[in-house]
Amino acid sequence: MLKFGIKSAILGSAVYYTVDKGVWKDSTTTAELYKELEDGVSPYVGELKKQIPYELPPLPTNDRISYLFKYYWNSGVKATFRFLVNLPTHTSNAAVKSYEFISSSLEQDTSQNEEQSKQ
C-alpha cells in the first residue's frame, strides 16, 4: 500500500508540475517551454558529450514531435475503435466458450455422480 501511495504521489506531482508549467496549454506555450527546456539542458549535454565517447543524437524538432504525437494518437484511436467494433464478436465467442466449458463440466460431474451411485 505504501508503494502505491509513493507512486501515486510521484505521478500526481509530475502531472501538477506539467500543468503548472503550461505543457497542456496551447501549442505556442508548449513550444516555448520545449525551447526553454532545450536551452536549459544544452550545457549539461555538452559536458556529458565530453565524458561519454559516443555521439548523442540531436533532440527532435517540434515538427517531428508533432507528427509523431499525431501518428501515435491516431493509432491509439484506431485501435480503440477496432476493439469496440470487435467487442460484440469477442463477447459472444467468450459466452459460447464459457457455456461449452460449463456444460462439459456439468456433464462430467453428472457422469461421475452416476458412477459413484452405481458402486
PDB file of N, CA and C in Angstrom:
ATOM      1  N   MET A   1       0.823  -1.191   0.000  1.00  0.00           N
ATOM      2  CA  MET A   1       0.000   0.000   0.000  1.00  0.00           C
ATOM      3  C   MET A   1       0.872   1.262   0.000  1.00  0.00           C
ATOM      4  N   LEU A   2       1.982   1.190   0.736  1.00  0.00           N
ATOM      5  CA  LEU A   2       2.899   2.317   0.798  1.00  0.00           C
ATOM      6  C   LEU A   2       3.530   2.557  -0.565  1.00  0.00           C
ATOM      7  N   LYS A   3       3.891   1.475  -1.250  1.00  0.00           N
ATOM      8  CA  LYS A   3       4.487   1.581  -2.584  1.00  0.00           C
ATOM      9  C   LYS A   3       3.511   2.267  -3.547  1.00  0.00           C
ATOM     10  N   PHE A   4       2.241   1.882  -3.493  1.00  0.00           N
ATOM     11  CA  PHE A   4       1.209   2.501  -4.332  1.00  0.00           C
ATOM     12  C   PHE A   4       1.059   3.979  -3.995  1.00  0.00           C
ATOM     13  N   GLY A   5       1.106   4.310  -2.714  1.00  0.00           N
ATOM     14  CA  GLY A   5       0.989   5.704  -2.294  1.00  0.00           C
ATOM     15  C   GLY A   5       2.145   6.550  -2.797  1.00  0.00           C
ATOM     16  N   ILE A   6       3.353   5.989  -2.746  1.00  0.00           N
ATOM     17  CA  ILE A   6       4.523   6.729  -3.229  1.00  0.00           C
ATOM     18  C   ILE A   6       4.431   6.940  -4.737  1.00  0.00           C
ATOM     19  N   LYS A   7       4.055   5.890  -5.459  1.00  0.00           N
ATOM     20  CA  LYS A   7       3.911   6.004  -6.920  1.00  0.00           C
ATOM     21  C   LYS A   7       2.835   7.019  -7.280  1.00  0.00           C
ATOM     22  N   SER A   8       1.729   6.996  -6.554  1.00  0.00           N
ATOM     23  CA  SER A   8       0.643   7.947  -6.813  1.00  0.00           C
ATOM     24  C   SER A   8       1.093   9.378  -6.538  1.00  0.00           C
ATOM     25  N   ALA A   9       1.858   9.563  -5.480  1.00  0.00           N
ATOM     26  CA  ALA A   9       2.348  10.902  -5.152  1.00  0.00           C
ATOM     27  C   ALA A   9       3.309  11.405  -6.227  1.00  0.00           C
ATOM     28  N   ILE A  10       4.177  10.539  -6.718  1.00  0.00           N
ATOM     29  CA  ILE A  10       5.115  10.935  -7.774  1.00  0.00           C
ATOM     30  C   ILE A  10       4.351  11.288  -9.044  1.00  0.00           C
ATOM     31  N   LEU A  11       3.388  10.449  -9.410  1.00  0.00           N
ATOM     32  CA  LEU A  11       2.586  10.717 -10.606  1.00  0.00           C
ATOM     33  C   LEU A  11       1.798  12.017 -10.449  1.00  0.00           C
ATOM     34  N   GLY A  12       1.179  12.200  -9.306  1.00  0.00           N
ATOM     35  CA  GLY A  12       0.400  13.417  -9.065  1.00  0.00           C
ATOM     36  C   GLY A  12       1.256  14.664  -9.123  1.00  0.00           C
ATOM     37  N   SER A  13       2.448  14.589  -8.533  1.00  0.00           N
ATOM     38  CA  SER A  13       3.321  15.763  -8.572  1.00  0.00           C
ATOM     39  C   SER A  13       3.827  16.024  -9.984  1.00  0.00           C
ATOM     40  N   ALA A  14       4.081  14.970 -10.762  1.00  0.00           N
ATOM     41  CA  ALA A  14       4.518  15.163 -12.149  1.00  0.00           C
ATOM     42  C   ALA A  14       3.410  15.823 -12.973  1.00  0.00           C
ATOM     43  N   VAL A  15       2.182  15.358 -12.794  1.00  0.00           N
ATOM     44  CA  VAL A  15       1.059  15.958 -13.521  1.00  0.00           C
ATOM     45  C   VAL A  15       0.868  17.401 -13.076  1.00  0.00           C
ATOM     46  N   TYR A  16       0.937  17.663 -11.785  1.00  0.00           N
ATOM     47  CA  TYR A  16       0.783  19.032 -11.283  1.00  0.00           C
ATOM     48  C   TYR A  16       1.864  19.945 -11.858  1.00  0.00           C
ATOM     49  N   TYR A  17       3.103  19.451 -11.893  1.00  0.00           N
ATOM     50  CA  TYR A  17       4.217  20.256 -12.401  1.00  0.00           C
ATOM     51  C   TYR A  17       4.016  20.584 -13.873  1.00  0.00           C
ATOM     52  N   THR A  18       3.593  19.609 -14.679  1.00  0.00           N
ATOM     53  CA  THR A  18       3.389  19.877 -16.110  1.00  0.00           C
ATOM     54  C   THR A  18       2.237  20.845 -16.331  1.00  0.00           C
ATOM     55  N   VAL A  19       1.187  20.733 -15.545  1.00  0.00           N
ATOM     56  CA  VAL A  19       0.062  21.668 -15.668  1.00  0.00           C
ATOM     57  C   VAL A  19       0.502  23.066 -15.233  1.00  0.00           C
ATOM     58  N   ASP A  20       1.280  23.134 -14.154  1.00  0.00           N
ATOM     59  CA  ASP A  20       1.757  24.418 -13.643  1.00  0.00           C
ATOM     60  C   ASP A  20       2.679  25.107 -14.648  1.00  0.00           C
ATOM     61  N   LYS A  21       3.510  24.347 -15.330  1.00  0.00           N
ATOM     62  CA  LYS A  21       4.433  24.918 -16.318  1.00  0.00           C
ATOM     63  C   LYS A  21       3.745  25.240 -17.642  1.00  0.00           C
ATOM     64  N   GLY A  22       2.554  24.720 -17.885  1.00  0.00           N
ATOM     65  CA  GLY A  22       1.815  25.058 -19.090  1.00  0.00           C
ATOM     66  C   GLY A  22       2.000  24.091 -20.243  1.00  0.00           C
ATOM     67  N   VAL A  23       2.406  22.858 -19.947  1.00  0.00           N
ATOM     68  CA  VAL A  23       2.603  21.872 -21.013  1.00  0.00           C
ATOM     69  C   VAL A  23       1.297  21.585 -21.744  1.00  0.00           C
ATOM     70  N   TRP A  24       0.190  21.620 -21.038  1.00  0.00           N
ATOM     71  CA  TRP A  24      -1.096  21.226 -21.615  1.00  0.00           C
ATOM     72  C   TRP A  24      -1.896  22.412 -22.145  1.00  0.00           C
ATOM     73  N   LYS A  25      -1.269  23.580 -22.224  1.00  0.00           N
ATOM     74  CA  LYS A  25      -1.957  24.748 -22.781  1.00  0.00           C
ATOM     75  C   LYS A  25      -1.845  24.725 -24.293  1.00  0.00           C
ATOM     76  N   ASP A  26      -1.958  25.882 -24.919  1.00  0.00           N
ATOM     77  CA  ASP A  26      -1.898  25.942 -26.384  1.00  0.00           C
ATOM     78  C   ASP A  26      -0.497  25.566 -26.875  1.00  0.00           C
ATOM     79  N   SER A  27      -0.397  25.316 -28.180  1.00  0.00           N
ATOM     80  CA  SER A  27       0.849  24.795 -28.749  1.00  0.00           C
ATOM     81  C   SER A  27       1.999  25.804 -28.687  1.00  0.00           C
ATOM     82  N   THR A  28       1.702  27.084 -28.729  1.00  0.00           N
ATOM     83  CA  THR A  28       2.792  28.065 -28.660  1.00  0.00           C
ATOM     84  C   THR A  28       3.444  28.043 -27.282  1.00  0.00           C
ATOM     85  N   THR A  29       2.648  27.929 -26.239  1.00  0.00           N
ATOM     86  CA  THR A  29       3.194  27.843 -24.880  1.00  0.00           C
ATOM     87  C   THR A  29       4.040  26.584 -24.730  1.00  0.00           C
ATOM     88  N   THR A  30       3.563  25.483 -25.268  1.00  0.00           N
ATOM     89  CA  THR A  30       4.311  24.235 -25.196  1.00  0.00           C
ATOM     90  C   THR A  30       5.607  24.326 -25.988  1.00  0.00           C
ATOM     91  N   ALA A  31       5.562  24.948 -27.158  1.00  0.00           N
ATOM     92  CA  ALA A  31       6.774  25.113 -27.965  1.00  0.00           C
ATOM     93  C   ALA A  31       7.792  25.989 -27.245  1.00  0.00           C
ATOM     94  N   GLU A  32       7.330  27.062 -26.596  1.00  0.00           N
ATOM     95  CA  GLU A  32       8.231  27.922 -25.824  1.00  0.00           C
ATOM     96  C   GLU A  32       8.848  27.152 -24.662  1.00  0.00           C
ATOM     97  N   LEU A  33       8.052  26.339 -23.995  1.00  0.00           N
ATOM     98  CA  LEU A  33       8.548  25.537 -22.884  1.00  0.00           C
ATOM     99  C   LEU A  33       9.579  24.522 -23.377  1.00  0.00           C
ATOM    100  N   TYR A  34       9.334  23.925 -24.520  1.00  0.00           N
ATOM    101  CA  TYR A  34      10.272  22.962 -25.098  1.00  0.00           C
ATOM    102  C   TYR A  34      11.592  23.657 -25.437  1.00  0.00           C
ATOM    103  N   LYS A  35      11.520  24.861 -26.017  1.00  0.00           N
ATOM    104  CA  LYS A  35      12.722  25.623 -26.355  1.00  0.00           C
ATOM    105  C   LYS A  35      13.485  25.995 -25.086  1.00  0.00           C
ATOM    106  N   GLU A  36      12.762  26.407 -24.048  1.00  0.00           N
ATOM    107  CA  GLU A  36      13.373  26.747 -22.765  1.00  0.00           C
ATOM    108  C   GLU A  36      14.059  25.524 -22.152  1.00  0.00           C
ATOM    109  N   LEU A  37      13.412  24.384 -22.229  1.00  0.00           N
ATOM    110  CA  LEU A  37      13.982  23.141 -21.722  1.00  0.00           C
ATOM    111  C   LEU A  37      15.237  22.757 -22.505  1.00  0.00           C
ATOM    112  N   GLU A  38      15.169  22.896 -23.817  1.00  0.00           N
ATOM    113  CA  GLU A  38      16.314  22.581 -24.666  1.00  0.00           C
ATOM    114  C   GLU A  38      17.499  23.493 -24.337  1.00  0.00           C
ATOM    115  N   ASP A  39      17.235  24.781 -24.154  1.00  0.00           N
ATOM    116  CA  ASP A  39      18.295  25.727 -23.802  1.00  0.00           C
ATOM    117  C   ASP A  39      18.869  25.423 -22.413  1.00  0.00           C
ATOM    118  N   GLY A  40      18.016  25.011 -21.492  1.00  0.00           N
ATOM    119  CA  GLY A  40      18.471  24.705 -20.136  1.00  0.00           C
ATOM    120  C   GLY A  40      19.294  23.428 -20.057  1.00  0.00           C
ATOM    121  N   VAL A  41      19.002  22.472 -20.912  1.00  0.00           N
ATOM    122  CA  VAL A  41      19.678  21.187 -20.879  1.00  0.00           C
ATOM    123  C   VAL A  41      20.966  21.204 -21.697  1.00  0.00           C
ATOM    124  N   SER A  42      21.092  22.095 -22.652  1.00  0.00           N
ATOM    125  CA  SER A  42      22.236  22.128 -23.568  1.00  0.00           C
ATOM    126  C   SER A  42      23.594  22.161 -22.869  1.00  0.00           C
ATOM    127  N   PRO A  43      23.824  22.993 -21.827  1.00  0.00           N
ATOM    128  CA  PRO A  43      25.149  22.979 -21.187  1.00  0.00           C
ATOM    129  C   PRO A  43      25.500  21.628 -20.569  1.00  0.00           C
ATOM    130  N   TYR A  44      24.504  20.971 -19.974  1.00  0.00           N
ATOM    131  CA  TYR A  44      24.753  19.678 -19.351  1.00  0.00           C
ATOM    132  C   TYR A  44      25.020  18.599 -20.392  1.00  0.00           C
ATOM    133  N   VAL A  45      24.323  18.700 -21.512  1.00  0.00           N
ATOM    134  CA  VAL A  45      24.543  17.746 -22.591  1.00  0.00           C
ATOM    135  C   VAL A  45      25.939  17.917 -23.157  1.00  0.00           C
ATOM    136  N   GLY A  46      26.422  19.176 -23.254  1.00  0.00           N
ATOM    137  CA  GLY A  46      27.776  19.427 -23.735  1.00  0.00           C
ATOM    138  C   GLY A  46      28.815  18.788 -22.835  1.00  0.00           C
ATOM    139  N   GLU A  47      28.653  18.913 -21.519  1.00  0.00           N
ATOM    140  CA  GLU A  47      29.583  18.285 -20.584  1.00  0.00           C
ATOM    141  C   GLU A  47      29.479  16.769 -20.647  1.00  0.00           C
ATOM    142  N   LEU A  48      28.283  16.270 -20.821  1.00  0.00           N
ATOM    143  CA  LEU A  48      28.089  14.828 -20.908  1.00  0.00           C
ATOM    144  C   LEU A  48      28.743  14.265 -22.168  1.00  0.00           C
ATOM    145  N   LYS A  49      28.699  15.023 -23.259  1.00  0.00           N
ATOM    146  CA  LYS A  49      29.348  14.600 -24.502  1.00  0.00           C
ATOM    147  C   LYS A  49      30.854  14.463 -24.312  1.00  0.00           C
ATOM    148  N   LYS A  50      31.432  15.334 -23.505  1.00  0.00           N
ATOM    149  CA  LYS A  50      32.868  15.264 -23.251  1.00  0.00           C
ATOM    150  C   LYS A  50      33.225  14.010 -22.457  1.00  0.00           C
ATOM    151  N   GLN A  51      32.339  13.580 -21.570  1.00  0.00           N
ATOM    152  CA  GLN A  51      32.612  12.437 -20.714  1.00  0.00           C
ATOM    153  C   GLN A  51      32.300  11.108 -21.395  1.00  0.00           C
ATOM    154  N   ILE A  52      31.360  11.111 -22.315  1.00  0.00           N
ATOM    155  CA  ILE A  52      30.950   9.879 -23.000  1.00  0.00           C
ATOM    156  C   ILE A  52      31.523   9.905 -24.409  1.00  0.00           C
ATOM    157  N   PRO A  53      32.195   8.843 -24.812  1.00  0.00           N
ATOM    158  CA  PRO A  53      32.824   8.853 -26.144  1.00  0.00           C
ATOM    159  C   PRO A  53      31.833   8.684 -27.291  1.00  0.00           C
ATOM    160  N   TYR A  54      30.584   8.415 -27.016  1.00  0.00           N
ATOM    161  CA  TYR A  54      29.591   8.194 -28.064  1.00  0.00           C
ATOM    162  C   TYR A  54      28.917   9.503 -28.455  1.00  0.00           C
ATOM    163  N   GLU A  55      28.521   9.580 -29.706  1.00  0.00           N
ATOM    164  CA  GLU A  55      27.818  10.761 -30.203  1.00  0.00           C
ATOM    165  C   GLU A  55      26.330  10.621 -29.880  1.00  0.00           C
ATOM    166  N   LEU A  56      25.765  11.603 -29.193  1.00  0.00           N
ATOM    167  CA  LEU A  56      24.345  11.586 -28.867  1.00  0.00           C
ATOM    168  C   LEU A  56      23.549  12.155 -30.034  1.00  0.00           C
ATOM    169  N   PRO A  57      22.393  11.570 -30.330  1.00  0.00           N
ATOM    170  CA  PRO A  57      21.585  12.119 -31.427  1.00  0.00           C
ATOM    171  C   PRO A  57      20.982  13.464 -31.021  1.00  0.00           C
ATOM    172  N   PRO A  58      20.715  14.329 -31.982  1.00  0.00           N
ATOM    173  CA  PRO A  58      20.123  15.634 -31.643  1.00  0.00           C
ATOM    174  C   PRO A  58      18.675  15.462 -31.188  1.00  0.00           C
ATOM    175  N   LEU A  59      18.216  16.425 -30.408  1.00  0.00           N
ATOM    176  CA  LEU A  59      16.821  16.411 -29.980  1.00  0.00           C
ATOM    177  C   LEU A  59      15.914  16.579 -31.191  1.00  0.00           C
ATOM    178  N   PRO A  60      14.770  15.894 -31.201  1.00  0.00           N
ATOM    179  CA  PRO A  60      13.884  16.021 -32.354  1.00  0.00           C
ATOM    180  C   PRO A  60      13.291  17.426 -32.455  1.00  0.00           C
ATOM    181  N   THR A  61      12.976  17.813 -33.676  1.00  0.00           N
ATOM    182  CA  THR A  61      12.387  19.127 -33.896  1.00  0.00           C
ATOM    183  C   THR A  61      10.927  19.130 -33.473  1.00  0.00           C
ATOM    184  N   ASN A  62      10.375  20.328 -33.319  1.00  0.00           N
ATOM    185  CA  ASN A  62       8.972  20.441 -32.930  1.00  0.00           C
ATOM    186  C   ASN A  62       8.051  19.806 -33.972  1.00  0.00           C
ATOM    187  N   ASP A  63       8.400  19.966 -35.252  1.00  0.00           N
ATOM    188  CA  ASP A  63       7.567  19.374 -36.309  1.00  0.00           C
ATOM    189  C   ASP A  63       7.551  17.862 -36.201  1.00  0.00           C
ATOM    190  N   ARG A  64       8.699  17.273 -35.928  1.00  0.00           N
ATOM    191  CA  ARG A  64       8.801  15.811 -35.824  1.00  0.00           C
ATOM    192  C   ARG A  64       8.014  15.313 -34.613  1.00  0.00           C
ATOM    193  N   ILE A  65       8.136  16.013 -33.503  1.00  0.00           N
ATOM    194  CA  ILE A  65       7.397  15.621 -32.301  1.00  0.00           C
ATOM    195  C   ILE A  65       5.900  15.737 -32.548  1.00  0.00           C
ATOM    196  N   SER A  66       5.491  16.796 -33.210  1.00  0.00           N
ATOM    197  CA  SER A  66       4.075  16.992 -33.518  1.00  0.00           C
ATOM    198  C   SER A  66       3.557  15.869 -34.409  1.00  0.00           C
ATOM    199  N   TYR A  67       4.346  15.516 -35.423  1.00  0.00           N
ATOM    200  CA  TYR A  67       3.940  14.435 -36.327  1.00  0.00           C
ATOM    201  C   TYR A  67       3.830  13.113 -35.571  1.00  0.00           C
ATOM    202  N   LEU A  68       4.835  12.797 -34.756  1.00  0.00           N
ATOM    203  CA  LEU A  68       4.815  11.533 -34.014  1.00  0.00           C
ATOM    204  C   LEU A  68       3.652  11.482 -33.037  1.00  0.00           C
ATOM    205  N   PHE A  69       3.390  12.611 -32.368  1.00  0.00           N
ATOM    206  CA  PHE A  69       2.270  12.647 -31.434  1.00  0.00           C
ATOM    207  C   PHE A  69       0.966  12.375 -32.167  1.00  0.00           C
ATOM    208  N   LYS A  70       0.751  13.031 -33.291  1.00  0.00           N
ATOM    209  CA  LYS A  70      -0.475  12.820 -34.074  1.00  0.00           C
ATOM    210  C   LYS A  70      -0.573  11.388 -34.565  1.00  0.00           C
ATOM    211  N   TYR A  71       0.547  10.843 -35.042  1.00  0.00           N
ATOM    212  CA  TYR A  71       0.551   9.481 -35.575  1.00  0.00           C
ATOM    213  C   TYR A  71       0.169   8.470 -34.495  1.00  0.00           C
ATOM    214  N   TYR A  72       0.822   8.551 -33.336  1.00  0.00           N
ATOM    215  CA  TYR A  72       0.534   7.586 -32.273  1.00  0.00           C
ATOM    216  C   TYR A  72      -0.831   7.830 -31.643  1.00  0.00           C
ATOM    217  N   TRP A  73      -1.277   9.065 -31.584  1.00  0.00           N
ATOM    218  CA  TRP A  73      -2.617   9.346 -31.083  1.00  0.00           C
ATOM    219  C   TRP A  73      -3.649   8.701 -32.011  1.00  0.00           C
ATOM    220  N   ASN A  74      -3.486   8.910 -33.314  1.00  0.00           N
ATOM    221  CA  ASN A  74      -4.416   8.322 -34.273  1.00  0.00           C
ATOM    222  C   ASN A  74      -4.367   6.800 -34.234  1.00  0.00           C
ATOM    223  N   SER A  75      -3.176   6.232 -34.053  1.00  0.00           N
ATOM    224  CA  SER A  75      -3.067   4.778 -33.938  1.00  0.00           C
ATOM    225  C   SER A  75      -3.825   4.275 -32.725  1.00  0.00           C
ATOM    226  N   GLY A  76      -3.722   4.992 -31.624  1.00  0.00           N
ATOM    227  CA  GLY A  76      -4.456   4.616 -30.418  1.00  0.00           C
ATOM    228  C   GLY A  76      -5.957   4.716 -30.603  1.00  0.00           C
ATOM    229  N   VAL A  77      -6.407   5.763 -31.266  1.00  0.00           N
ATOM    230  CA  VAL A  77      -7.841   5.928 -31.525  1.00  0.00           C
ATOM    231  C   VAL A  77      -8.346   4.806 -32.434  1.00  0.00           C
ATOM    232  N   LYS A  78      -7.580   4.494 -33.477  1.00  0.00           N
ATOM    233  CA  LYS A  78      -7.978   3.416 -34.391  1.00  0.00           C
ATOM    234  C   LYS A  78      -8.047   2.082 -33.662  1.00  0.00           C
ATOM    235  N   ALA A  79      -7.049   1.799 -32.816  1.00  0.00           N
ATOM    236  CA  ALA A  79      -7.045   0.538 -32.069  1.00  0.00           C
ATOM    237  C   ALA A  79      -8.226   0.467 -31.106  1.00  0.00           C
ATOM    238  N   THR A  80      -8.556   1.584 -30.481  1.00  0.00           N
ATOM    239  CA  THR A  80      -9.691   1.615 -29.561  1.00  0.00           C
ATOM    240  C   THR A  80     -10.993   1.317 -30.289  1.00  0.00           C
ATOM    241  N   PHE A  81     -11.203   1.955 -31.440  1.00  0.00           N
ATOM    242  CA  PHE A  81     -12.440   1.723 -32.172  1.00  0.00           C
ATOM    243  C   PHE A  81     -12.465   0.334 -32.800  1.00  0.00           C
ATOM    244  N   ARG A  82     -11.307  -0.194 -33.203  1.00  0.00           N
ATOM    245  CA  ARG A  82     -11.247  -1.562 -33.710  1.00  0.00           C
ATOM    246  C   ARG A  82     -11.676  -2.533 -32.610  1.00  0.00           C
ATOM    247  N   PHE A  83     -11.213  -2.267 -31.382  1.00  0.00           N
ATOM    248  CA  PHE A  83     -11.616  -3.091 -30.245  1.00  0.00           C
ATOM    249  C   PHE A  83     -13.120  -2.984 -30.005  1.00  0.00           C
ATOM    250  N   LEU A  84     -13.653  -1.763 -30.056  1.00  0.00           N
ATOM    251  CA  LEU A  84     -15.086  -1.581 -29.826  1.00  0.00           C
ATOM    252  C   LEU A  84     -15.928  -2.237 -30.918  1.00  0.00           C
ATOM    253  N   VAL A  85     -15.445  -2.191 -32.166  1.00  0.00           N
ATOM    254  CA  VAL A  85     -16.174  -2.834 -33.260  1.00  0.00           C
ATOM    255  C   VAL A  85     -16.193  -4.344 -33.064  1.00  0.00           C
ATOM    256  N   ASN A  86     -15.081  -4.914 -32.613  1.00  0.00           N
ATOM    257  CA  ASN A  86     -14.986  -6.363 -32.444  1.00  0.00           C
ATOM    258  C   ASN A  86     -15.501  -6.849 -31.098  1.00  0.00           C
ATOM    259  N   LEU A  87     -15.861  -5.940 -30.211  1.00  0.00           N
ATOM    260  CA  LEU A  87     -16.308  -6.321 -28.878  1.00  0.00           C
ATOM    261  C   LEU A  87     -17.512  -7.260 -28.883  1.00  0.00           C
ATOM    262  N   PRO A  88     -18.563  -7.017 -29.670  1.00  0.00           N
ATOM    263  CA  PRO A  88     -19.685  -7.963 -29.667  1.00  0.00           C
ATOM    264  C   PRO A  88     -19.265  -9.368 -30.104  1.00  0.00           C
ATOM    265  N   THR A  89     -18.406  -9.471 -31.105  1.00  0.00           N
ATOM    266  CA  THR A  89     -17.945 -10.783 -31.566  1.00  0.00           C
ATOM    267  C   THR A  89     -17.162 -11.483 -30.470  1.00  0.00           C
ATOM    268  N   HIS A  90     -16.233 -10.758 -29.849  1.00  0.00           N
ATOM    269  CA  HIS A  90     -15.440 -11.364 -28.787  1.00  0.00           C
ATOM    270  C   HIS A  90     -16.306 -11.746 -27.589  1.00  0.00           C
ATOM    271  N   THR A  91     -17.299 -10.921 -27.295  1.00  0.00           N
ATOM    272  CA  THR A  91     -18.197 -11.223 -26.180  1.00  0.00           C
ATOM    273  C   THR A  91     -19.010 -12.474 -26.454  1.00  0.00           C
ATOM    274  N   SER A  92     -19.557 -12.584 -27.672  1.00  0.00           N
ATOM    275  CA  SER A  92     -20.343 -13.780 -27.993  1.00  0.00           C
ATOM    276  C   SER A  92     -19.455 -15.018 -28.023  1.00  0.00           C
ATOM    277  N   ASN A  93     -18.238 -14.899 -28.551  1.00  0.00           N
ATOM    278  CA  ASN A  93     -17.322 -16.044 -28.537  1.00  0.00           C
ATOM    279  C   ASN A  93     -16.993 -16.473 -27.111  1.00  0.00           C
ATOM    280  N   ALA A  94     -16.760 -15.506 -26.243  1.00  0.00           N
ATOM    281  CA  ALA A  94     -16.464 -15.816 -24.844  1.00  0.00           C
ATOM    282  C   ALA A  94     -17.673 -16.468 -24.173  1.00  0.00           C
ATOM    283  N   ALA A  95     -18.881 -15.986 -24.485  1.00  0.00           N
ATOM    284  CA  ALA A  95     -20.087 -16.573 -23.892  1.00  0.00           C
ATOM    285  C   ALA A  95     -20.275 -18.011 -24.368  1.00  0.00           C
ATOM    286  N   VAL A  96     -20.056 -18.260 -25.663  1.00  0.00           N
ATOM    287  CA  VAL A  96     -20.208 -19.626 -26.201  1.00  0.00           C
ATOM    288  C   VAL A  96     -19.183 -20.558 -25.566  1.00  0.00           C
ATOM    289  N   LYS A  97     -17.930 -20.136 -25.489  1.00  0.00           N
ATOM    290  CA  LYS A  97     -16.897 -20.980 -24.889  1.00  0.00           C
ATOM    291  C   LYS A  97     -17.171 -21.224 -23.409  1.00  0.00           C
ATOM    292  N   SER A  98     -17.649 -20.203 -22.707  1.00  0.00           N
ATOM    293  CA  SER A  98     -17.990 -20.370 -21.296  1.00  0.00           C
ATOM    294  C   SER A  98     -19.130 -21.356 -21.138  1.00  0.00           C
ATOM    295  N   TYR A  99     -20.158 -21.238 -21.988  1.00  0.00           N
ATOM    296  CA  TYR A  99     -21.285 -22.156 -21.942  1.00  0.00           C
ATOM    297  C   TYR A  99     -20.832 -23.589 -22.202  1.00  0.00           C
ATOM    298  N   GLU A 100     -19.982 -23.760 -23.225  1.00  0.00           N
ATOM    299  CA  GLU A 100     -19.497 -25.102 -23.553  1.00  0.00           C
ATOM    300  C   GLU A 100     -18.660 -25.676 -22.411  1.00  0.00           C
ATOM    301  N   PHE A 101     -17.821 -24.862 -21.804  1.00  0.00           N
ATOM    302  CA  PHE A 101     -16.994 -25.328 -20.698  1.00  0.00           C
ATOM    303  C   PHE A 101     -17.849 -25.737 -19.509  1.00  0.00           C
ATOM    304  N   ILE A 102     -18.830 -24.902 -19.167  1.00  0.00           N
ATOM    305  CA  ILE A 102     -19.692 -25.201 -18.028  1.00  0.00           C
ATOM    306  C   ILE A 102     -20.527 -26.442 -18.319  1.00  0.00           C
ATOM    307  N   SER A 103     -21.036 -26.554 -19.544  1.00  0.00           N
ATOM    308  CA  SER A 103     -21.833 -27.734 -19.909  1.00  0.00           C
ATOM    309  C   SER A 103     -21.005 -29.005 -19.820  1.00  0.00           C
ATOM    310  N   SER A 104     -19.783 -28.977 -20.351  1.00  0.00           N
ATOM    311  CA  SER A 104     -18.947 -30.179 -20.293  1.00  0.00           C
ATOM    312  C   SER A 104     -18.561 -30.500 -18.857  1.00  0.00           C
ATOM    313  N   SER A 105     -18.333 -29.481 -18.035  1.00  0.00           N
ATOM    314  CA  SER A 105     -18.010 -29.724 -16.626  1.00  0.00           C
ATOM    315  C   SER A 105     -19.188 -30.341 -15.895  1.00  0.00           C
ATOM    316  N   LEU A 106     -20.393 -29.848 -16.176  1.00  0.00           N
ATOM    317  CA  LEU A 106     -21.584 -30.407 -15.538  1.00  0.00           C
ATOM    318  C   LEU A 106     -21.838 -31.833 -16.011  1.00  0.00           C
ATOM    319  N   GLU A 107     -21.617 -32.115 -17.293  1.00  0.00           N
ATOM    320  CA  GLU A 107     -21.798 -33.469 -17.811  1.00  0.00           C
ATOM    321  C   GLU A 107     -20.804 -34.430 -17.172  1.00  0.00           C
ATOM    322  N   GLN A 108     -19.555 -33.996 -17.011  1.00  0.00           N
ATOM    323  CA  GLN A 108     -18.558 -34.844 -16.363  1.00  0.00           C
ATOM    324  C   GLN A 108     -18.926 -35.073 -14.909  1.00  0.00           C
ATOM    325  N   ASP A 109     -19.387 -34.036 -14.241  1.00  0.00           N
ATOM    326  CA  ASP A 109     -19.780 -34.149 -12.842  1.00  0.00           C
ATOM    327  C   ASP A 109     -20.975 -35.086 -12.702  1.00  0.00           C
ATOM    328  N   THR A 110     -21.938 -34.970 -13.621  1.00  0.00           N
ATOM    329  CA  THR A 110     -23.116 -35.835 -13.587  1.00  0.00           C
ATOM    330  C   THR A 110     -22.714 -37.283 -13.836  1.00  0.00           C
ATOM    331  N   SER A 111     -21.846 -37.523 -14.797  1.00  0.00           N
ATOM    332  CA  SER A 111     -21.428 -38.893 -15.092  1.00  0.00           C
ATOM    333  C   SER A 111     -20.622 -39.472 -13.936  1.00  0.00           C
ATOM    334  N   GLN A 112     -19.830 -38.667 -13.253  1.00  0.00           N
ATOM    335  CA  GLN A 112     -19.082 -39.147 -12.100  1.00  0.00           C
ATOM    336  C   GLN A 112     -20.018 -39.481 -10.949  1.00  0.00           C
ATOM    337  N   ASN A 113     -21.044 -38.668 -10.743  1.00  0.00           N
ATOM    338  CA  ASN A 113     -22.030 -38.937  -9.692  1.00  0.00           C
ATOM    339  C   ASN A 113     -22.784 -40.229  -9.977  1.00  0.00           C
ATOM    340  N   GLU A 114     -23.136 -40.480 -11.252  1.00  0.00           N
ATOM    341  CA  GLU A 114     -23.842 -41.702 -11.626  1.00  0.00           C
ATOM    342  C   GLU A 114     -22.964 -42.919 -11.388  1.00  0.00           C
ATOM    343  N   GLU A 115     -21.674 -42.829 -11.719  1.00  0.00           N
ATOM    344  CA  GLU A 115     -20.766 -43.948 -11.490  1.00  0.00           C
ATOM    345  C   GLU A 115     -20.597 -44.234 -10.010  1.00  0.00           C
ATOM    346  N   GLN A 116     -20.526 -43.189  -9.204  1.00  0.00           N
ATOM    347  CA  GLN A 116     -20.382 -43.366  -7.759  1.00  0.00           C
ATOM    348  C   GLN A 116     -21.642 -43.977  -7.166  1.00  0.00           C
ATOM    349  N   SER A 117     -22.808 -43.612  -7.672  1.00  0.00           N
ATOM    350  CA  SER A 117     -24.040 -44.160  -7.122  1.00  0.00           C
ATOM    351  C   SER A 117     -24.229 -45.614  -7.515  1.00  0.00           C
ATOM    352  N   LYS A 118     -23.665 -46.056  -8.656  1.00  0.00           N
ATOM    353  CA  LYS A 118     -23.743 -47.457  -9.066  1.00  0.00           C
ATOM    354  C   LYS A 118     -22.845 -48.332  -8.209  1.00  0.00           C
ATOM    355  N   GLN A 119     -21.797 -47.785  -7.705  1.00  0.00           N
ATOM    356  CA  GLN A 119     -20.860 -48.586  -6.918  1.00  0.00           C
ATOM    357  C   GLN A 119     -21.344 -48.673  -5.529  1.00  0.00           C
TER     358      GLN A 119
END
